[in-house]
Amino acid sequence: MADRRVTVIVPTNRGGRYLEEAVASVRAQTSPVHEILLVDDGSPAPGLSEVAARIGVRYVRQDASGLSVARNSGAAAAEGDWIAYLDDDDVWHPERIEQQLRALDAMPEAIAACTGGWYMDADGAAFGVDWGARQATAVQMIAYESLPPRITTLLIRREDYLAVGGCRTEMEPAEDNDLILRLLRRGEFAAVDRALVGYRRHAANVTSRGLAGREANRRVLLDLLRDARRHDDHVLTGLLRRHRRAFRHYAAEDNLGEFVDALRRRDRSYAVRLAIWGARRAPASTIAAAVARLGRRIRGSHAA
């Protein structure tokens, strides 16, 4: 494998009970990393610097500024020429870095490599269905003809991360999807179609799901479309329009599902907000989703 120095960046604003397990999964890699960098985003937890010293990781503290700034601070401080982000509650398969480096050897023009992953609960037990990472072109992923990867699975060439400006705070909580689309404009990704990242779901997760996430992803696509038009990039504009059409479809489905759940919980305030979002942001797709849902219910009742 080519000589690539990898910095693993762990942004955190809490430390938490899973941090040492997360770091241990990096220590167990079959291809050792150059360094692990813990970025403390103003954590109120006492003694995080002492924890970092005990487990042997570099420590950087900043005033509480949010996840995007923490990721960017880590990239700026990294000594490695490749960076990977590790959430403080996730774990890696021991072969994650080795397999990604092999994929990059096979695709030397790639600026990043991604993998699939698995879900696990608060106790570390796997559940649900793993997700994959099918090899696809940047064009296919920008157009959403193939699913873009998740930031937690990416190994990114540091100079490319810095060149696109890193994560943008104004796009939170969809700053990761925004970053990935901007990286895809710059180059291709290699893929390892194996579940090599364990994503832990628990009450304290920060995700881009839900109404706030949908609205943030809408803003991401709108901003990138405006930029493509401003630069008269007709090819990119066409790809992003296709992505936006796909987004309206799946976002309307998710929004309608949340709306139904909110009604069942008698959370009328949130239900109203969901209804307004669907009517304003994706009216045609919302109607189509409602018709499809009604059709499924009718067919189900007939089958019964």
C-alpha atoms as a PDB file:
ATOM      1  CA  MET A   1       0.000   0.000   0.000  1.00  0.00           C
ATOM      2  CA  ALA A   2       1.132   3.550  -0.678  1.00  0.00           C
ATOM      3  CA  ASP A   3       2.525   5.467   2.279  1.00  0.00           C
ATOM      4  CA  ARG A   4      -0.410   7.526   3.514  1.00  0.00           C
ATOM      5  CA  ARG A   5      -0.481   9.078   6.976  1.00  0.00           C
ATOM      6  CA  VAL A   6      -3.962   8.996   8.469  1.00  0.00           C
ATOM      7  CA  THR A   7      -5.194  11.349  11.179  1.00  0.00           C
ATOM      8  CA  VAL A   8      -8.367  10.259  12.973  1.00  0.00           C
ATOM      9  CA  ILE A   9     -10.330  13.253  14.280  1.00  0.00           C
ATOM     10  CA  VAL A  10     -12.756  12.793  17.178  1.00  0.00           C
ATOM     11  CA  PRO A  11     -14.895  15.918  17.679  1.00  0.00           C
ATOM     12  CA  THR A  12     -16.762  15.924  20.982  1.00  0.00           C
ATOM     13  CA  ASN A  13     -18.623  18.294  23.252  1.00  0.00           C
ATOM     14  CA  ARG A  14     -19.206  15.761  25.993  1.00  0.00           C
ATOM     15  CA  GLY A  15     -16.565  13.042  26.173  1.00  0.00           C
ATOM     16  CA  GLY A  16     -19.107  10.440  27.195  1.00  0.00           C
ATOM     17  CA  ARG A  17     -19.069   6.826  28.236  1.00  0.00           C
ATOM     18  CA  TYR A  18     -18.342   5.499  24.748  1.00  0.00           C
ATOM     19  CA  LEU A  19     -15.244   7.594  23.999  1.00  0.00           C
ATOM     20  CA  GLU A  20     -12.640   5.115  25.178  1.00  0.00           C
ATOM     21  CA  GLU A  21     -14.348   2.270  23.293  1.00  0.00           C
ATOM     22  CA  ALA A  22     -14.368   4.403  20.139  1.00  0.00           C
ATOM     23  CA  VAL A  23     -10.651   5.177  20.451  1.00  0.00           C
ATOM     24  CA  ALA A  24      -9.857   1.531  21.232  1.00  0.00           C
ATOM     25  CA  SER A  25     -11.426   0.515  17.910  1.00  0.00           C
ATOM     26  CA  VAL A  26      -8.939   2.803  16.142  1.00  0.00           C
ATOM     27  CA  ARG A  27      -6.053   1.365  18.144  1.00  0.00           C
ATOM     28  CA  ALA A  28      -7.135  -2.101  16.958  1.00  0.00           C
ATOM     29  CA  GLN A  29      -6.793  -1.247  13.252  1.00  0.00           C
ATOM     30  CA  THR A  30      -4.782  -3.730  11.194  1.00  0.00           C
ATOM     31  CA  SER A  31      -3.260  -0.726   9.407  1.00  0.00           C
ATOM     32  CA  PRO A  32      -2.128   1.643  12.185  1.00  0.00           C
ATOM     33  CA  VAL A  33      -3.051   5.318  11.907  1.00  0.00           C
ATOM     34  CA  HIS A  34      -0.553   8.145  12.307  1.00  0.00           C
ATOM     35  CA  GLU A  35      -2.424   9.922  15.104  1.00  0.00           C
ATOM     36  CA  ILE A  36      -5.740  10.325  16.889  1.00  0.00           C
ATOM     37  CA  LEU A  37      -6.792  13.911  17.533  1.00  0.00           C
ATOM     38  CA  LEU A  38      -9.480  14.697  20.113  1.00  0.00           C
ATOM     39  CA  VAL A  39     -11.133  18.068  19.456  1.00  0.00           C
ATOM     40  CA  ASP A  40     -12.889  19.294  22.592  1.00  0.00           C
ATOM     41  CA  ASP A  41     -15.681  21.632  21.515  1.00  0.00           C
ATOM     42  CA  GLY A  42     -16.071  23.416  24.837  1.00  0.00           C
ATOM     43  CA  SER A  43     -17.129  20.285  26.706  1.00  0.00           C
ATOM     44  CA  PRO A  44     -18.465  20.969  30.211  1.00  0.00           C
ATOM     45  CA  ALA A  45     -17.222  17.533  31.253  1.00  0.00           C
ATOM     46  CA  PRO A  46     -14.277  17.954  33.647  1.00  0.00           C
ATOM     47  CA  GLY A  47     -10.986  16.255  32.987  1.00  0.00           C
ATOM     48  CA  LEU A  48     -11.323  15.605  29.242  1.00  0.00           C
ATOM     49  CA  SER A  49      -7.717  16.671  28.701  1.00  0.00           C
ATOM     50  CA  GLU A  50      -6.673  14.146  31.351  1.00  0.00           C
ATOM     51  CA  VAL A  51      -8.699  11.442  29.594  1.00  0.00           C
ATOM     52  CA  ALA A  52      -6.940  12.311  26.327  1.00  0.00           C
ATOM     53  CA  ALA A  53      -3.549  12.025  28.004  1.00  0.00           C
ATOM     54  CA  ARG A  54      -4.451   8.702  29.605  1.00  0.00           C
ATOM     55  CA  ILE A  55      -5.585   7.097  26.368  1.00  0.00           C
ATOM     56  CA  GLY A  56      -2.713   8.604  24.375  1.00  0.00           C
ATOM     57  CA  VAL A  57      -4.408  10.944  21.912  1.00  0.00           C
ATOM     58  CA  ARG A  58      -3.597  14.518  20.901  1.00  0.00           C
ATOM     59  CA  TYR A  59      -5.885  17.061  22.523  1.00  0.00           C
ATOM     60  CA  VAL A  60      -7.165  20.356  21.120  1.00  0.00           C
ATOM     61  CA  ARG A  61      -9.719  22.485  22.941  1.00  0.00           C
ATOM     62  CA  GLN A  62     -11.827  25.271  21.471  1.00  0.00           C
ATOM     63  CA  ASP A  63     -14.661  27.413  22.751  1.00  0.00           C
ATOM     64  CA  ALA A  64     -18.041  25.779  22.117  1.00  0.00           C
ATOM     65  CA  SER A  65     -18.547  26.455  18.404  1.00  0.00           C
ATOM     66  CA  GLY A  66     -20.410  23.447  17.023  1.00  0.00           C
ATOM     67  CA  LEU A  67     -19.604  20.295  15.114  1.00  0.00           C
ATOM     68  CA  SER A  68     -18.618  21.967  11.832  1.00  0.00           C
ATOM     69  CA  VAL A  69     -16.009  24.180  13.472  1.00  0.00           C
ATOM     70  CA  ALA A  70     -14.709  21.236  15.513  1.00  0.00           C
ATOM     71  CA  ARG A  71     -14.262  19.149  12.375  1.00  0.00           C
ATOM     72  CA  ASN A  72     -12.519  22.023  10.610  1.00  0.00           C
ATOM     73  CA  SER A  73     -10.257  22.659  13.608  1.00  0.00           C
ATOM     74  CA  GLY A  74      -9.265  19.008  13.566  1.00  0.00           C
ATOM     75  CA  ALA A  75      -8.472  19.097   9.851  1.00  0.00           C
ATOM     76  CA  ALA A  76      -6.394  22.254  10.297  1.00  0.00           C
ATOM     77  CA  ALA A  77      -4.394  20.695  13.145  1.00  0.00           C
ATOM     78  CA  ALA A  78      -3.955  17.257  11.550  1.00  0.00           C
ATOM     79  CA  GLU A  79      -0.464  16.029  10.735  1.00  0.00           C
ATOM     80  CA  GLY A  80      -1.704  13.323   8.380  1.00  0.00           C
ATOM     81  CA  ASP A  81      -2.329  13.811   4.680  1.00  0.00           C
ATOM     82  CA  TRP A  82      -5.583  11.818   4.981  1.00  0.00           C
ATOM     83  CA  ILE A  83      -8.282  12.392   7.604  1.00  0.00           C
ATOM     84  CA  ALA A  84     -11.156  10.331   8.957  1.00  0.00           C
ATOM     85  CA  TYR A  85     -13.832  11.409  11.422  1.00  0.00           C
ATOM     86  CA  LEU A  86     -14.874   9.230  14.330  1.00  0.00           C
ATOM     87  CA  ASP A  87     -17.938  10.129  16.373  1.00  0.00           C
ATOM     88  CA  ASP A  88     -17.283   9.710  20.081  1.00  0.00           C
ATOM     89  CA  ASP A  89     -19.894   6.939  20.341  1.00  0.00           C
ATOM     90  CA  ASP A  90     -19.143   4.911  17.189  1.00  0.00           C
ATOM     91  CA  VAL A  91     -16.697   2.059  16.539  1.00  0.00           C
ATOM     92  CA  TRP A  92     -14.702   0.771  13.594  1.00  0.00           C
ATOM     93  CA  HIS A  93     -14.152  -2.711  12.269  1.00  0.00           C
ATOM     94  CA  PRO A  94     -10.434  -3.566  12.660  1.00  0.00           C
ATOM     95  CA  GLU A  95      -9.936  -3.679   8.868  1.00  0.00           C
ATOM     96  CA  ARG A  96     -11.560  -0.343   8.079  1.00  0.00           C
ATOM     97  CA  ILE A  97      -8.432   1.710   7.338  1.00  0.00           C
ATOM     98  CA  GLU A  98      -6.579  -1.176   5.674  1.00  0.00           C
ATOM     99  CA  GLN A  99      -9.439  -1.821   3.268  1.00  0.00           C
ATOM    100  CA  GLN A 100      -9.843   1.866   2.431  1.00  0.00           C
ATOM    101  CA  LEU A 101      -6.138   2.277   1.738  1.00  0.00           C
ATOM    102  CA  ARG A 102      -6.268  -0.737  -0.575  1.00  0.00           C
ATOM    103  CA  ALA A 103      -9.228   0.813  -2.402  1.00  0.00           C
ATOM    104  CA  LEU A 104      -7.280   4.048  -2.826  1.00  0.00           C
ATOM    105  CA  ASP A 105      -4.294   2.119  -4.185  1.00  0.00           C
ATOM    106  CA  ALA A 106      -6.608   0.609  -6.793  1.00  0.00           C
ATOM    107  CA  MET A 107      -8.096   4.033  -7.632  1.00  0.00           C
ATOM    108  CA  PRO A 108      -5.244   6.535  -7.197  1.00  0.00           C
ATOM    109  CA  GLU A 109      -7.208   9.447  -8.662  1.00  0.00           C
ATOM    110  CA  ALA A 110      -9.792   9.235  -5.858  1.00  0.00           C
ATOM    111  CA  ILE A 111      -9.875  12.017  -3.265  1.00  0.00           C
ATOM    112  CA  ALA A 112     -11.762   9.942  -0.696  1.00  0.00           C
ATOM    113  CA  ALA A 113     -12.795   6.390   0.126  1.00  0.00           C
ATOM    114  CA  CYS A 114     -16.029   5.271   1.778  1.00  0.00           C
ATOM    115  CA  THR A 115     -17.395   2.088   3.317  1.00  0.00           C
ATOM    116  CA  GLY A 116     -20.672   0.601   4.458  1.00  0.00           C
ATOM    117  CA  GLY A 117     -21.679   0.217   8.070  1.00  0.00           C
ATOM    118  CA  TRP A 118     -23.967  -1.318  10.649  1.00  0.00           C
ATOM    119  CA  TYR A 119     -26.313   0.011  13.325  1.00  0.00           C
ATOM    120  CA  MET A 120     -25.895  -0.773  16.987  1.00  0.00           C
ATOM    121  CA  ASP A 121     -27.840   0.150  20.097  1.00  0.00           C
ATOM    122  CA  ALA A 122     -26.679   1.910  23.250  1.00  0.00           C
ATOM    123  CA  ASP A 123     -25.192  -1.360  24.513  1.00  0.00           C
ATOM    124  CA  GLY A 124     -23.322  -2.102  21.284  1.00  0.00           C
ATOM    125  CA  ALA A 125     -25.674  -4.818  19.995  1.00  0.00           C
ATOM    126  CA  ALA A 126     -26.131  -4.793  16.216  1.00  0.00           C
ATOM    127  CA  PHE A 127     -29.670  -4.325  14.899  1.00  0.00           C
ATOM    128  CA  GLY A 128     -31.493  -3.509  11.695  1.00  0.00           C
ATOM    129  CA  VAL A 129     -30.046  -3.830   8.206  1.00  0.00           C
ATOM    130  CA  ASP A 130     -26.445  -2.928   7.357  1.00  0.00           C
ATOM    131  CA  TRP A 131     -25.884  -0.310   4.676  1.00  0.00           C
ATOM    132  CA  GLY A 132     -23.482  -0.756   1.785  1.00  0.00           C
ATOM    133  CA  ALA A 133     -21.174   1.373  -0.346  1.00  0.00           C
ATOM    134  CA  ARG A 134     -21.604   0.493  -4.005  1.00  0.00           C
ATOM    135  CA  GLN A 135     -18.910   1.884  -6.286  1.00  0.00           C
ATOM    136  CA  ALA A 136     -20.396   4.805  -8.195  1.00  0.00           C
ATOM    137  CA  THR A 137     -19.166   7.870 -10.041  1.00  0.00           C
ATOM    138  CA  ALA A 138     -19.255  11.382  -8.649  1.00  0.00           C
ATOM    139  CA  VAL A 139     -21.841  12.244 -11.310  1.00  0.00           C
ATOM    140  CA  GLN A 140     -24.139   9.434 -10.176  1.00  0.00           C
ATOM    141  CA  MET A 141     -23.929  10.507  -6.544  1.00  0.00           C
ATOM    142  CA  ILE A 142     -24.383  14.225  -7.208  1.00  0.00           C
ATOM    143  CA  ALA A 143     -27.515  13.383  -9.209  1.00  0.00           C
ATOM    144  CA  TYR A 144     -28.644  11.014  -6.424  1.00  0.00           C
ATOM    145  CA  GLU A 145     -28.753   8.111  -8.856  1.00  0.00           C
ATOM    146  CA  SER A 146     -26.549   6.358  -6.289  1.00  0.00           C
ATOM    147  CA  LEU A 147     -26.600   7.110  -2.577  1.00  0.00           C
ATOM    148  CA  PRO A 148     -23.774   9.405  -1.439  1.00  0.00           C
ATOM    149  CA  PRO A 149     -21.762   8.047   1.493  1.00  0.00           C
ATOM    150  CA  ARG A 150     -21.891   9.104   5.131  1.00  0.00           C
ATOM    151  CA  ILE A 151     -19.158  11.296   6.567  1.00  0.00           C
ATOM    152  CA  THR A 152     -18.501   8.772   9.334  1.00  0.00           C
ATOM    153  CA  THR A 153     -17.312   6.266   6.692  1.00  0.00           C
ATOM    154  CA  LEU A 154     -15.082   8.616   4.711  1.00  0.00           C
ATOM    155  CA  LEU A 155     -11.306   8.697   4.498  1.00  0.00           C
ATOM    156  CA  ILE A 156     -10.583  12.069   2.862  1.00  0.00           C
ATOM    157  CA  ARG A 157      -7.448  13.562   1.386  1.00  0.00           C
ATOM    158  CA  ARG A 158      -6.782  16.481   3.709  1.00  0.00           C
ATOM    159  CA  GLU A 159      -5.778  18.943   1.003  1.00  0.00           C
ATOM    160  CA  ASP A 160      -9.108  18.398  -0.761  1.00  0.00           C
ATOM    161  CA  TYR A 161     -11.069  18.840   2.463  1.00  0.00           C
ATOM    162  CA  LEU A 162      -9.292  22.147   3.055  1.00  0.00           C
ATOM    163  CA  ALA A 163      -9.649  23.184  -0.598  1.00  0.00           C
ATOM    164  CA  VAL A 164     -13.470  23.022  -0.481  1.00  0.00           C
ATOM    165  CA  GLY A 165     -13.531  24.924   2.810  1.00  0.00           C
ATOM    166  CA  GLY A 166     -14.497  22.034   5.067  1.00  0.00           C
ATOM    167  CA  CYS A 167     -17.870  21.919   6.806  1.00  0.00           C
ATOM    168  CA  ARG A 168     -20.129  24.967   6.734  1.00  0.00           C
ATOM    169  CA  THR A 169     -21.796  25.904  10.014  1.00  0.00           C
ATOM    170  CA  GLU A 170     -24.719  27.552   8.241  1.00  0.00           C
ATOM    171  CA  MET A 171     -25.704  24.208   6.702  1.00  0.00           C
ATOM    172  CA  GLU A 172     -26.089  22.337  10.008  1.00  0.00           C
ATOM    173  CA  PRO A 173     -27.536  19.823  10.685  1.00  0.00           C
ATOM    174  CA  ALA A 174     -26.917  18.787   7.058  1.00  0.00           C
ATOM    175  CA  GLU A 175     -23.351  20.105   6.942  1.00  0.00           C
ATOM    176  CA  ASP A 176     -22.030  16.588   6.269  1.00  0.00           C
ATOM    177  CA  ASN A 177     -24.196  16.099   3.166  1.00  0.00           C
ATOM    178  CA  ASP A 178     -23.206  19.570   1.972  1.00  0.00           C
ATOM    179  CA  LEU A 179     -19.514  18.755   2.417  1.00  0.00           C
ATOM    180  CA  ILE A 180     -19.827  15.469   0.546  1.00  0.00           C
ATOM    181  CA  LEU A 181     -21.539  17.085  -2.448  1.00  0.00           C
ATOM    182  CA  ARG A 182     -18.844  19.753  -2.621  1.00  0.00           C
ATOM    183  CA  LEU A 183     -16.124  17.083  -2.432  1.00  0.00           C
ATOM    184  CA  LEU A 184     -17.828  15.122  -5.207  1.00  0.00           C
ATOM    185  CA  ARG A 185     -17.609  18.209  -7.403  1.00  0.00           C
ATOM    186  CA  ARG A 186     -13.852  17.990  -6.931  1.00  0.00           C
ATOM    187  CA  GLY A 187     -13.180  14.296  -7.513  1.00  0.00           C
ATOM    188  CA  GLU A 188     -14.123  10.639  -7.367  1.00  0.00           C
ATOM    189  CA  PHE A 189     -14.596   8.423  -4.307  1.00  0.00           C
ATOM    190  CA  ALA A 190     -13.374   4.842  -3.992  1.00  0.00           C
ATOM    191  CA  ALA A 191     -15.783   2.463  -2.265  1.00  0.00           C
ATOM    192  CA  VAL A 192     -15.393  -0.564  -0.012  1.00  0.00           C
ATOM    193  CA  ASP A 193     -18.715  -2.378  -0.006  1.00  0.00           C
ATOM    194  CA  ARG A 194     -18.367  -3.811   3.491  1.00  0.00           C
ATOM    195  CA  ALA A 195     -19.892  -2.828   6.834  1.00  0.00           C
ATOM    196  CA  LEU A 196     -16.796  -1.360   8.503  1.00  0.00           C
ATOM    197  CA  VAL A 197     -18.272   1.416  10.680  1.00  0.00           C
ATOM    198  CA  GLY A 198     -20.605   0.821  13.615  1.00  0.00           C
ATOM    199  CA  TYR A 199     -23.086   3.668  14.019  1.00  0.00           C
ATOM    200  CA  ARG A 200     -24.548   3.815  17.513  1.00  0.00           C
ATOM    201  CA  ARG A 201     -28.146   4.983  17.904  1.00  0.00           C
ATOM    202  CA  HIS A 202     -29.180   6.305  21.304  1.00  0.00           C
ATOM    203  CA  ALA A 203     -31.078   9.184  22.874  1.00  0.00           C
ATOM    204  CA  ALA A 204     -28.196  11.676  22.645  1.00  0.00           C
ATOM    205  CA  ASN A 205     -27.504  11.216  18.896  1.00  0.00           C
ATOM    206  CA  VAL A 206     -27.230  14.312  16.725  1.00  0.00           C
ATOM    207  CA  THR A 207     -28.485  13.514  13.236  1.00  0.00           C
ATOM    208  CA  SER A 208     -29.826  15.245  10.148  1.00  0.00           C
ATOM    209  CA  ARG A 209     -33.108  13.343  10.306  1.00  0.00           C
ATOM    210  CA  GLY A 210     -36.484  14.906  11.036  1.00  0.00           C
ATOM    211  CA  LEU A 211     -37.980  18.212   9.991  1.00  0.00           C
ATOM    212  CA  ALA A 212     -34.863  20.264  10.785  1.00  0.00           C
ATOM    213  CA  GLY A 213     -32.729  17.866   8.761  1.00  0.00           C
ATOM    214  CA  ARG A 214     -35.048  17.954   5.759  1.00  0.00           C
ATOM    215  CA  GLU A 215     -35.105  21.735   5.765  1.00  0.00           C
ATOM    216  CA  ALA A 216     -31.309  21.882   6.091  1.00  0.00           C
ATOM    217  CA  ASN A 217     -30.860  19.459   3.174  1.00  0.00           C
ATOM    218  CA  ARG A 218     -33.256  21.555   1.092  1.00  0.00           C
ATOM    219  CA  ARG A 219     -31.136  24.625   1.835  1.00  0.00           C
ATOM    220  CA  VAL A 220     -27.971  22.741   0.889  1.00  0.00           C
ATOM    221  CA  LEU A 221     -29.345  21.830  -2.541  1.00  0.00           C
ATOM    222  CA  LEU A 222     -30.710  25.328  -3.105  1.00  0.00           C
ATOM    223  CA  ASP A 223     -27.355  26.911  -2.222  1.00  0.00           C
ATOM    224  CA  LEU A 224     -25.374  24.547  -4.460  1.00  0.00           C
ATOM    225  CA  LEU A 225     -27.815  25.111  -7.318  1.00  0.00           C
ATOM    226  CA  ARG A 226     -27.467  28.870  -6.997  1.00  0.00           C
ATOM    227  CA  ASP A 227     -23.687  28.550  -7.043  1.00  0.00           C
ATOM    228  CA  ALA A 228     -23.742  26.326 -10.134  1.00  0.00           C
ATOM    229  CA  ARG A 229     -25.997  28.795 -11.948  1.00  0.00           C
ATOM    230  CA  ARG A 230     -23.824  31.724 -10.881  1.00  0.00           C
ATOM    231  CA  HIS A 231     -20.851  30.023 -12.526  1.00  0.00           C
ATOM    232  CA  ASP A 232     -22.886  28.998 -15.617  1.00  0.00           C
ATOM    233  CA  ASP A 233     -22.113  25.354 -14.901  1.00  0.00           C
ATOM    234  CA  HIS A 234     -24.966  23.827 -16.858  1.00  0.00           C
ATOM    235  CA  VAL A 235     -23.851  20.234 -16.335  1.00  0.00           C
ATOM    236  CA  LEU A 236     -23.702  20.586 -12.549  1.00  0.00           C
ATOM    237  CA  THR A 237     -26.990  22.486 -12.535  1.00  0.00           C
ATOM    238  CA  GLY A 238     -28.668  19.595 -14.337  1.00  0.00           C
ATOM    239  CA  LEU A 239     -27.242  17.030 -11.923  1.00  0.00           C
ATOM    240  CA  LEU A 240     -28.338  19.004  -8.866  1.00  0.00           C
ATOM    241  CA  ARG A 241     -31.829  19.457 -10.296  1.00  0.00           C
ATOM    242  CA  ARG A 242     -32.096  15.684 -10.601  1.00  0.00           C
ATOM    243  CA  HIS A 243     -30.922  15.375  -7.014  1.00  0.00           C
ATOM    244  CA  ARG A 244     -33.511  17.927  -5.922  1.00  0.00           C
ATOM    245  CA  ARG A 245     -36.315  15.992  -7.632  1.00  0.00           C
ATOM    246  CA  ALA A 246     -35.214  12.818  -5.838  1.00  0.00           C
ATOM    247  CA  PHE A 247     -34.957  14.731  -2.563  1.00  0.00           C
ATOM    248  CA  ARG A 248     -38.503  16.049  -2.842  1.00  0.00           C
ATOM    249  CA  HIS A 249     -39.743  12.497  -3.333  1.00  0.00           C
ATOM    250  CA  TYR A 250     -37.969  10.836  -0.391  1.00  0.00           C
ATOM    251  CA  ALA A 251     -38.332  13.883   1.864  1.00  0.00           C
ATOM    252  CA  ALA A 252     -42.085  13.950   1.250  1.00  0.00           C
ATOM    253  CA  GLU A 253     -42.308  10.249   2.139  1.00  0.00           C
ATOM    254  CA  ASP A 254     -40.362  10.777   5.368  1.00  0.00           C
ATOM    255  CA  ASN A 255     -42.313  13.926   6.210  1.00  0.00           C
ATOM    256  CA  LEU A 256     -45.652  12.191   5.714  1.00  0.00           C
ATOM    257  CA  GLY A 257     -44.566   9.279   7.899  1.00  0.00           C
ATOM    258  CA  GLU A 258     -43.572  11.678  10.670  1.00  0.00           C
ATOM    259  CA  PHE A 259     -46.874  13.529  10.236  1.00  0.00           C
ATOM    260  CA  VAL A 260     -48.856  10.324  10.768  1.00  0.00           C
ATOM    261  CA  ASP A 261     -46.738   9.437  13.818  1.00  0.00           C
ATOM    262  CA  ALA A 262     -47.258  12.933  15.259  1.00  0.00           C
ATOM    263  CA  LEU A 263     -51.018  12.570  14.898  1.00  0.00           C
ATOM    264  CA  ARG A 264     -50.906   9.209  16.659  1.00  0.00           C
ATOM    265  CA  ARG A 265     -48.963  10.801  19.508  1.00  0.00           C
ATOM    266  CA  ARG A 266     -51.433  13.713  19.482  1.00  0.00           C
ATOM    267  CA  ASP A 267     -48.559  16.127  18.959  1.00  0.00           C
ATOM    268  CA  ARG A 268     -50.695  18.569  17.002  1.00  0.00           C
ATOM    269  CA  SER A 269     -48.146  21.392  17.019  1.00  0.00           C
ATOM    270  CA  TYR A 270     -45.468  19.289  15.314  1.00  0.00           C
ATOM    271  CA  ALA A 271     -48.035  17.752  12.966  1.00  0.00           C
ATOM    272  CA  VAL A 272     -49.037  21.239  11.797  1.00  0.00           C
ATOM    273  CA  ARG A 273     -45.393  22.175  11.176  1.00  0.00           C
ATOM    274  CA  LEU A 274     -44.897  18.976   9.176  1.00  0.00           C
ATOM    275  CA  ALA A 275     -48.039  19.620   7.135  1.00  0.00           C
ATOM    276  CA  ILE A 276     -46.936  23.166   6.344  1.00  0.00           C
ATOM    277  CA  TRP A 277     -43.478  21.996   5.289  1.00  0.00           C
ATOM    278  CA  GLY A 278     -44.898  19.357   2.968  1.00  0.00           C
ATOM    279  CA  ALA A 279     -47.361  21.796   1.402  1.00  0.00           C
ATOM    280  CA  ARG A 280     -44.750  24.502   0.864  1.00  0.00           C
ATOM    281  CA  ARG A 281     -41.595  22.573   0.013  1.00  0.00           C
ATOM    282  CA  ALA A 282     -42.808  19.474  -1.830  1.00  0.00           C
ATOM    283  CA  PRO A 283     -46.531  19.757  -2.581  1.00  0.00           C
ATOM    284  CA  ALA A 284     -46.704  17.439  -5.600  1.00  0.00           C
ATOM    285  CA  SER A 285     -44.500  14.810  -3.954  1.00  0.00           C
ATOM    286  CA  THR A 286     -46.520  15.036  -0.742  1.00  0.00           C
ATOM    287  CA  ILE A 287     -49.756  14.389  -2.612  1.00  0.00           C
ATOM    288  CA  ALA A 288     -48.150  11.465  -4.461  1.00  0.00           C
ATOM    289  CA  ALA A 289     -46.850  10.039  -1.166  1.00  0.00           C
ATOM    290  CA  ALA A 290     -50.279  10.355   0.438  1.00  0.00           C
ATOM    291  CA  VAL A 291     -51.969   8.631  -2.511  1.00  0.00           C
ATOM    292  CA  ALA A 292     -49.388   5.823  -2.460  1.00  0.00           C
ATOM    293  CA  ARG A 293     -49.833   5.355   1.306  1.00  0.00           C
ATOM    294  CA  LEU A 294     -53.627   5.240   0.936  1.00  0.00           C
ATOM    295  CA  GLY A 295     -53.293   2.714  -1.883  1.00  0.00           C
ATOM    296  CA  ARG A 296     -51.132   0.461   0.270  1.00  0.00           C
ATOM    297  CA  ARG A 297     -53.688   0.600   3.080  1.00  0.00           C
ATOM    298  CA  ILE A 298     -56.536  -0.277   0.716  1.00  0.00           C
ATOM    299  CA  ARG A 299     -54.615  -3.196  -0.779  1.00  0.00           C
ATOM    300  CA  GLY A 300     -53.711  -4.369   2.706  1.00  0.00           C
ATOM    301  CA  SER A 301     -57.312  -4.280   3.866  1.00  0.00           C
ATOM    302  CA  HIS A 302     -58.451  -6.245   0.803  1.00  0.00           C
ATOM    303  CA  ALA A 303     -55.733  -8.842   1.342  1.00  0.00           C
ATOM    304  CA  ALA A 304     -56.844  -9.257   4.955  1.00  0.00           C
END
